[in-house]
PDB file of N, CA and C in Angstrom:
ATOM      1  N   UNK A   1      -4.292  -5.345-306.668  1.00  0.00           N
ATOM      2  CA  UNK A   1      -4.928  -3.468-306.666  1.00  0.00           C
ATOM      3  C   UNK A   1      -5.892  -3.626-305.777  1.00  0.00           C
ATOM      4  N   UNK A   2      -5.592  -2.161-305.393  1.00  0.00           N
ATOM      5  CA  UNK A   2      -5.844  -2.111-304.012  1.00  0.00           C
ATOM      6  C   UNK A   2      -7.581  -1.030-304.713  1.00  0.00           C
ATOM      7  N   UNK A   3      -9.065  -1.542-304.574  1.00  0.00           N
ATOM      8  CA  UNK A   3      -9.945  -1.012-305.317  1.00  0.00           C
ATOM      9  C   UNK A   3     -10.860  -1.108-303.813  1.00  0.00           C
ATOM     10  N   UNK A   4     -11.953   0.562-304.249  1.00  0.00           N
ATOM     11  CA  UNK A   4     -12.319   0.953-302.528  1.00  0.00           C
ATOM     12  C   UNK A   4     -13.145  -0.363-302.965  1.00  0.00           C
ATOM     13  N   UNK A   5     -13.575  -0.865-302.066  1.00  0.00           N
ATOM     14  CA  UNK A   5     -14.546  -1.621-301.396  1.00  0.00           C
ATOM     15  C   UNK A   5     -15.783  -1.749-302.137  1.00  0.00           C
ATOM     16  N   UNK A   6     -16.875  -0.278-300.758  1.00  0.00           N
ATOM     17  CA  UNK A   6     -17.580   0.487-300.848  1.00  0.00           C
ATOM     18  C   UNK A   6     -17.842   1.529-301.451  1.00  0.00           C
ATOM     19  N   UNK A   7     -19.586   1.902-301.907  1.00  0.00           N
ATOM     20  CA  UNK A   7     -19.810   3.857-302.325  1.00  0.00           C
ATOM     21  C   UNK A   7     -19.778   4.496-300.164  1.00  0.00           C
ATOM     22  N   UNK A   8     -19.065   5.801-300.313  1.00  0.00           N
ATOM     23  CA  UNK A   8     -18.924   6.518-299.513  1.00  0.00           C
ATOM     24  C   UNK A   8     -20.168   7.626-298.762  1.00  0.00           C
ATOM     25  N   UNK A   9     -21.411   7.313-298.594  1.00  0.00           N
ATOM     26  CA  UNK A   9     -22.405   8.026-298.563  1.00  0.00           C
ATOM     27  C   UNK A   9     -22.078   8.822-298.488  1.00  0.00           C
ATOM     28  N   UNK A  10     -22.594   9.835-298.643  1.00  0.00           N
ATOM     29  CA  UNK A  10     -22.760  11.677-297.973  1.00  0.00           C
ATOM     30  C   UNK A  10     -23.094  11.263-297.034  1.00  0.00           C
ATOM     31  N   UNK A  11     -23.678  10.686-295.826  1.00  0.00           N
ATOM     32  CA  UNK A  11     -23.273  11.060-294.381  1.00  0.00           C
ATOM     33  C   UNK A  11     -22.509  10.233-293.745  1.00  0.00           C
ATOM     34  N   UNK A  12     -21.760   9.796-293.965  1.00  0.00           N
ATOM     35  CA  UNK A  12     -20.576   8.745-293.613  1.00  0.00           C
ATOM     36  C   UNK A  12     -19.172  10.001-294.088  1.00  0.00           C
ATOM     37  N   UNK A  13     -19.980  10.592-294.772  1.00  0.00           N
ATOM     38  CA  UNK A  13     -18.054  12.209-295.560  1.00  0.00           C
ATOM     39  C   UNK A  13     -18.432  12.605-294.410  1.00  0.00           C
ATOM     40  N   UNK A  14     -20.271  13.529-294.476  1.00  0.00           N
ATOM     41  CA  UNK A  14     -20.532  14.487-292.726  1.00  0.00           C
ATOM     42  C   UNK A  14     -20.066  14.073-291.539  1.00  0.00           C
ATOM     43  N   UNK A  15     -20.501  12.586-291.423  1.00  0.00           N
ATOM     44  CA  UNK A  15     -19.877  12.213-290.252  1.00  0.00           C
ATOM     45  C   UNK A  15     -18.724  12.275-290.102  1.00  0.00           C
ATOM     46  N   UNK A  16     -17.411  12.202-290.690  1.00  0.00           N
ATOM     47  CA  UNK A  16     -15.952  11.935-290.372  1.00  0.00           C
ATOM     48  C   UNK A  16     -15.849  13.101-290.781  1.00  0.00           C
ATOM     49  N   UNK A  17     -15.911  14.366-291.580  1.00  0.00           N
ATOM     50  CA  UNK A  17     -15.494  15.383-291.656  1.00  0.00           C
ATOM     51  C   UNK A  17     -15.921  16.893-290.715  1.00  0.00           C
ATOM     52  N   UNK A  18     -16.902  16.467-289.735  1.00  0.00           N
ATOM     53  CA  UNK A  18     -17.168  17.024-288.555  1.00  0.00           C
ATOM     54  C   UNK A  18     -16.406  17.139-287.587  1.00  0.00           C
ATOM     55  N   UNK A  19     -15.167  16.861-287.746  1.00  0.00           N
ATOM     56  CA  UNK A  19     -14.040  17.304-286.702  1.00  0.00           C
ATOM     57  C   UNK A  19     -13.614  18.514-287.182  1.00  0.00           C
ATOM     58  N   UNK A  20     -13.716  18.952-288.857  1.00  0.00           N
ATOM     59  CA  UNK A  20     -12.592  19.940-289.635  1.00  0.00           C
ATOM     60  C   UNK A  20     -13.259  21.248-289.403  1.00  0.00           C
ATOM     61  N   UNK A  21     -14.188  21.615-288.197  1.00  0.00           N
ATOM     62  CA  UNK A  21     -14.387  22.971-288.582  1.00  0.00           C
ATOM     63  C   UNK A  21     -13.921  23.535-287.736  1.00  0.00           C
ATOM     64  N   UNK A  22     -13.978  24.871-287.618  1.00  0.00           N
ATOM     65  CA  UNK A  22     -12.957  25.741-286.704  1.00  0.00           C
ATOM     66  C   UNK A  22     -13.322  25.946-285.551  1.00  0.00           C
ATOM     67  N   UNK A  23     -12.509  26.332-284.451  1.00  0.00           N
ATOM     68  CA  UNK A  23     -12.883  26.315-282.953  1.00  0.00           C
ATOM     69  C   UNK A  23     -12.713  27.629-283.138  1.00  0.00           C
ATOM     70  N   UNK A  24     -13.651  27.911-282.126  1.00  0.00           N
ATOM     71  CA  UNK A  24     -13.676  29.092-281.545  1.00  0.00           C
ATOM     72  C   UNK A  24     -12.427  29.270-280.604  1.00  0.00           C
ATOM     73  N   UNK A  25     -12.466  30.594-280.572  1.00  0.00           N
ATOM     74  CA  UNK A  25     -10.729  31.202-280.039  1.00  0.00           C
ATOM     75  C   UNK A  25     -11.836  31.660-278.579  1.00  0.00           C
ATOM     76  N   UNK A  26     -10.847  31.421-277.581  1.00  0.00           N
ATOM     77  CA  UNK A  26     -11.550  32.366-276.081  1.00  0.00           C
ATOM     78  C   UNK A  26     -10.280  33.396-275.834  1.00  0.00           C
ATOM     79  N   UNK A  27     -11.005  34.401-275.866  1.00  0.00           N
ATOM     80  CA  UNK A  27     -10.135  35.338-275.173  1.00  0.00           C
ATOM     81  C   UNK A  27     -10.247  36.506-274.308  1.00  0.00           C
ATOM     82  N   UNK A  28      -9.042  36.668-273.341  1.00  0.00           N
ATOM     83  CA  UNK A  28      -9.568  37.456-272.101  1.00  0.00           C
ATOM     84  C   UNK A  28      -9.425  38.606-272.057  1.00  0.00           C
ATOM     85  N   UNK A  29      -9.338  39.323-270.555  1.00  0.00           N
ATOM     86  CA  UNK A  29      -9.007  40.831-271.657  1.00  0.00           C
ATOM     87  C   UNK A  29      -7.931  40.476-270.573  1.00  0.00           C
ATOM     88  N   UNK A  30      -7.726  41.653-271.043  1.00  0.00           N
ATOM     89  CA  UNK A  30      -5.716  42.190-269.784  1.00  0.00           C
ATOM     90  C   UNK A  30      -6.246  43.896-268.632  1.00  0.00           C
ATOM     91  N   UNK A  31      -5.756  42.488-267.341  1.00  0.00           N
ATOM     92  CA  UNK A  31      -5.667  42.798-266.615  1.00  0.00           C
ATOM     93  C   UNK A  31      -5.285  44.631-266.043  1.00  0.00           C
ATOM     94  N   UNK A  32      -4.639  45.198-266.851  1.00  0.00           N
ATOM     95  CA  UNK A  32      -4.261  46.888-267.171  1.00  0.00           C
ATOM     96  C   UNK A  32      -5.071  47.590-267.759  1.00  0.00           C
ATOM     97  N   UNK A  33      -5.197  47.151-268.986  1.00  0.00           N
ATOM     98  CA  UNK A  33      -5.910  48.141-269.888  1.00  0.00           C
ATOM     99  C   UNK A  33      -7.002  47.626-270.729  1.00  0.00           C
ATOM    100  N   UNK A  34      -7.648  45.607-270.451  1.00  0.00           N
ATOM    101  CA  UNK A  34      -9.225  45.300-270.882  1.00  0.00           C
ATOM    102  C   UNK A  34      -9.240  45.044-272.586  1.00  0.00           C
ATOM    103  N   UNK A  35      -7.566  45.303-272.828  1.00  0.00           N
ATOM    104  CA  UNK A  35      -8.128  44.831-273.789  1.00  0.00           C
ATOM    105  C   UNK A  35      -8.183  43.527-274.500  1.00  0.00           C
ATOM    106  N   UNK A  36      -8.913  42.666-275.814  1.00  0.00           N
ATOM    107  CA  UNK A  36      -8.211  41.535-275.803  1.00  0.00           C
ATOM    108  C   UNK A  36      -7.498  41.344-275.685  1.00  0.00           C
ATOM    109  N   UNK A  37      -7.032  39.712-275.498  1.00  0.00           N
ATOM    110  CA  UNK A  37      -5.963  38.645-274.940  1.00  0.00           C
ATOM    111  C   UNK A  37      -5.676  36.849-275.505  1.00  0.00           C
ATOM    112  N   UNK A  38      -5.684  36.533-275.990  1.00  0.00           N
ATOM    113  CA  UNK A  38      -4.932  35.583-275.806  1.00  0.00           C
ATOM    114  C   UNK A  38      -5.155  35.051-273.933  1.00  0.00           C
ATOM    115  N   UNK A  39      -5.775  34.253-273.464  1.00  0.00           N
ATOM    116  CA  UNK A  39      -4.495  33.497-272.659  1.00  0.00           C
ATOM    117  C   UNK A  39      -3.550  32.531-272.510  1.00  0.00           C
ATOM    118  N   UNK A  40      -2.554  32.910-271.372  1.00  0.00           N
ATOM    119  CA  UNK A  40      -1.193  33.259-271.521  1.00  0.00           C
ATOM    120  C   UNK A  40      -0.375  33.586-272.665  1.00  0.00           C
ATOM    121  N   UNK A  41      -0.826  34.567-272.962  1.00  0.00           N
ATOM    122  CA  UNK A  41       0.148  35.543-273.876  1.00  0.00           C
ATOM    123  C   UNK A  41       0.437  36.544-273.154  1.00  0.00           C
ATOM    124  N   UNK A  42       1.010  37.975-273.814  1.00  0.00           N
ATOM    125  CA  UNK A  42       1.396  39.102-273.214  1.00  0.00           C
ATOM    126  C   UNK A  42       0.773  39.298-274.176  1.00  0.00           C
ATOM    127  N   UNK A  43      -0.252  41.178-273.595  1.00  0.00           N
ATOM    128  CA  UNK A  43      -0.347  41.669-274.192  1.00  0.00           C
ATOM    129  C   UNK A  43       0.342  42.801-274.287  1.00  0.00           C
ATOM    130  N   UNK A  44      -0.589  42.494-275.943  1.00  0.00           N
ATOM    131  CA  UNK A  44       0.132  42.770-277.254  1.00  0.00           C
ATOM    132  C   UNK A  44       0.276  45.011-277.290  1.00  0.00           C
ATOM    133  N   UNK A  45      -0.873  44.900-276.568  1.00  0.00           N
ATOM    134  CA  UNK A  45      -0.691  46.931-276.722  1.00  0.00           C
ATOM    135  C   UNK A  45       0.039  47.468-275.158  1.00  0.00           C
ATOM    136  N   UNK A  46      -0.324  46.812-274.309  1.00  0.00           N
ATOM    137  CA  UNK A  46       0.984  47.525-272.639  1.00  0.00           C
ATOM    138  C   UNK A  46       1.650  46.650-272.122  1.00  0.00           C
ATOM    139  N   UNK A  47       2.210  45.284-272.574  1.00  0.00           N
ATOM    140  CA  UNK A  47       3.104  44.645-272.236  1.00  0.00           C
ATOM    141  C   UNK A  47       3.172  44.547-271.587  1.00  0.00           C
ATOM    142  N   UNK A  48       1.779  43.681-270.995  1.00  0.00           N
ATOM    143  CA  UNK A  48       2.215  42.809-269.223  1.00  0.00           C
ATOM    144  C   UNK A  48       1.623  41.614-269.373  1.00  0.00           C
ATOM    145  N   UNK A  49       2.036  41.005-268.753  1.00  0.00           N
ATOM    146  CA  UNK A  49       1.854  39.235-268.243  1.00  0.00           C
ATOM    147  C   UNK A  49       1.465  39.767-266.872  1.00  0.00           C
ATOM    148  N   UNK A  50       0.317  39.619-266.301  1.00  0.00           N
ATOM    149  CA  UNK A  50       0.042  38.272-265.022  1.00  0.00           C
ATOM    150  C   UNK A  50       0.504  39.621-263.870  1.00  0.00           C
ATOM    151  N   UNK A  51       0.125  40.794-264.009  1.00  0.00           N
ATOM    152  CA  UNK A  51       0.463  42.071-263.122  1.00  0.00           C
ATOM    153  C   UNK A  51       1.623  42.730-262.922  1.00  0.00           C
ATOM    154  N   UNK A  52       2.489  42.145-264.280  1.00  0.00           N
ATOM    155  CA  UNK A  52       3.828  43.076-264.460  1.00  0.00           C
ATOM    156  C   UNK A  52       4.376  43.001-265.703  1.00  0.00           C
ATOM    157  N   UNK A  53       5.103  43.729-266.315  1.00  0.00           N
ATOM    158  CA  UNK A  53       5.262  44.647-266.708  1.00  0.00           C
ATOM    159  C   UNK A  53       6.360  43.882-267.879  1.00  0.00           C
ATOM    160  N   UNK A  54       6.656  42.673-269.068  1.00  0.00           N
ATOM    161  CA  UNK A  54       7.855  42.310-269.269  1.00  0.00           C
ATOM    162  C   UNK A  54       8.533  42.300-270.320  1.00  0.00           C
ATOM    163  N   UNK A  55       7.293  43.292-271.768  1.00  0.00           N
ATOM    164  CA  UNK A  55       7.605  43.628-272.844  1.00  0.00           C
ATOM    165  C   UNK A  55       7.409  45.214-273.077  1.00  0.00           C
ATOM    166  N   UNK A  56       8.808  45.907-273.185  1.00  0.00           N
ATOM    167  CA  UNK A  56       8.554  47.487-273.099  1.00  0.00           C
ATOM    168  C   UNK A  56       7.826  48.007-274.354  1.00  0.00           C
ATOM    169  N   UNK A  57       6.806  49.002-274.468  1.00  0.00           N
ATOM    170  CA  UNK A  57       6.159  49.699-275.393  1.00  0.00           C
ATOM    171  C   UNK A  57       5.667  50.472-276.251  1.00  0.00           C
ATOM    172  N   UNK A  58       5.908  50.696-276.895  1.00  0.00           N
ATOM    173  CA  UNK A  58       5.386  52.841-277.076  1.00  0.00           C
ATOM    174  C   UNK A  58       4.087  52.822-277.447  1.00  0.00           C
ATOM    175  N   UNK A  59       3.429  53.113-276.362  1.00  0.00           N
ATOM    176  CA  UNK A  59       2.158  53.794-276.135  1.00  0.00           C
ATOM    177  C   UNK A  59       1.639  54.937-276.335  1.00  0.00           C
ATOM    178  N   UNK A  60       1.013  55.499-277.490  1.00  0.00           N
ATOM    179  CA  UNK A  60       0.191  56.167-278.245  1.00  0.00           C
ATOM    180  C   UNK A  60      -0.540  57.128-277.574  1.00  0.00           C
ATOM    181  N   UNK A  61       0.705  58.470-277.035  1.00  0.00           N
ATOM    182  CA  UNK A  61      -0.415  59.585-276.209  1.00  0.00           C
ATOM    183  C   UNK A  61      -1.776  59.819-276.731  1.00  0.00           C
ATOM    184  N   UNK A  62      -2.195  59.802-275.450  1.00  0.00           N
ATOM    185  CA  UNK A  62      -3.718  60.934-275.334  1.00  0.00           C
ATOM    186  C   UNK A  62      -3.580  62.299-276.813  1.00  0.00           C
ATOM    187  N   UNK A  63      -4.210  62.568-277.700  1.00  0.00           N
ATOM    188  CA  UNK A  63      -3.935  64.037-278.296  1.00  0.00           C
ATOM    189  C   UNK A  63      -4.925  64.740-277.585  1.00  0.00           C
ATOM    190  N   UNK A  64      -4.462  65.792-277.100  1.00  0.00           N
ATOM    191  CA  UNK A  64      -6.137  67.627-276.792  1.00  0.00           C
ATOM    192  C   UNK A  64      -6.102  67.541-277.184  1.00  0.00           C
TER     193      UNK A  64
END
């Protein structure tokens, strides 16, 4: 039967779990509207990707 050979110390647990931290999200700005978007993704606000309109979106008109 398999039994634990040695006690896992608190420092070993923390070193093992150091890779479980959440990564920081890198955001870029859209070249057309300036909103924050993920890199290599279509802008959800204006629907552009790399200076080209890929997705047609219904933009909200500004109220006068």
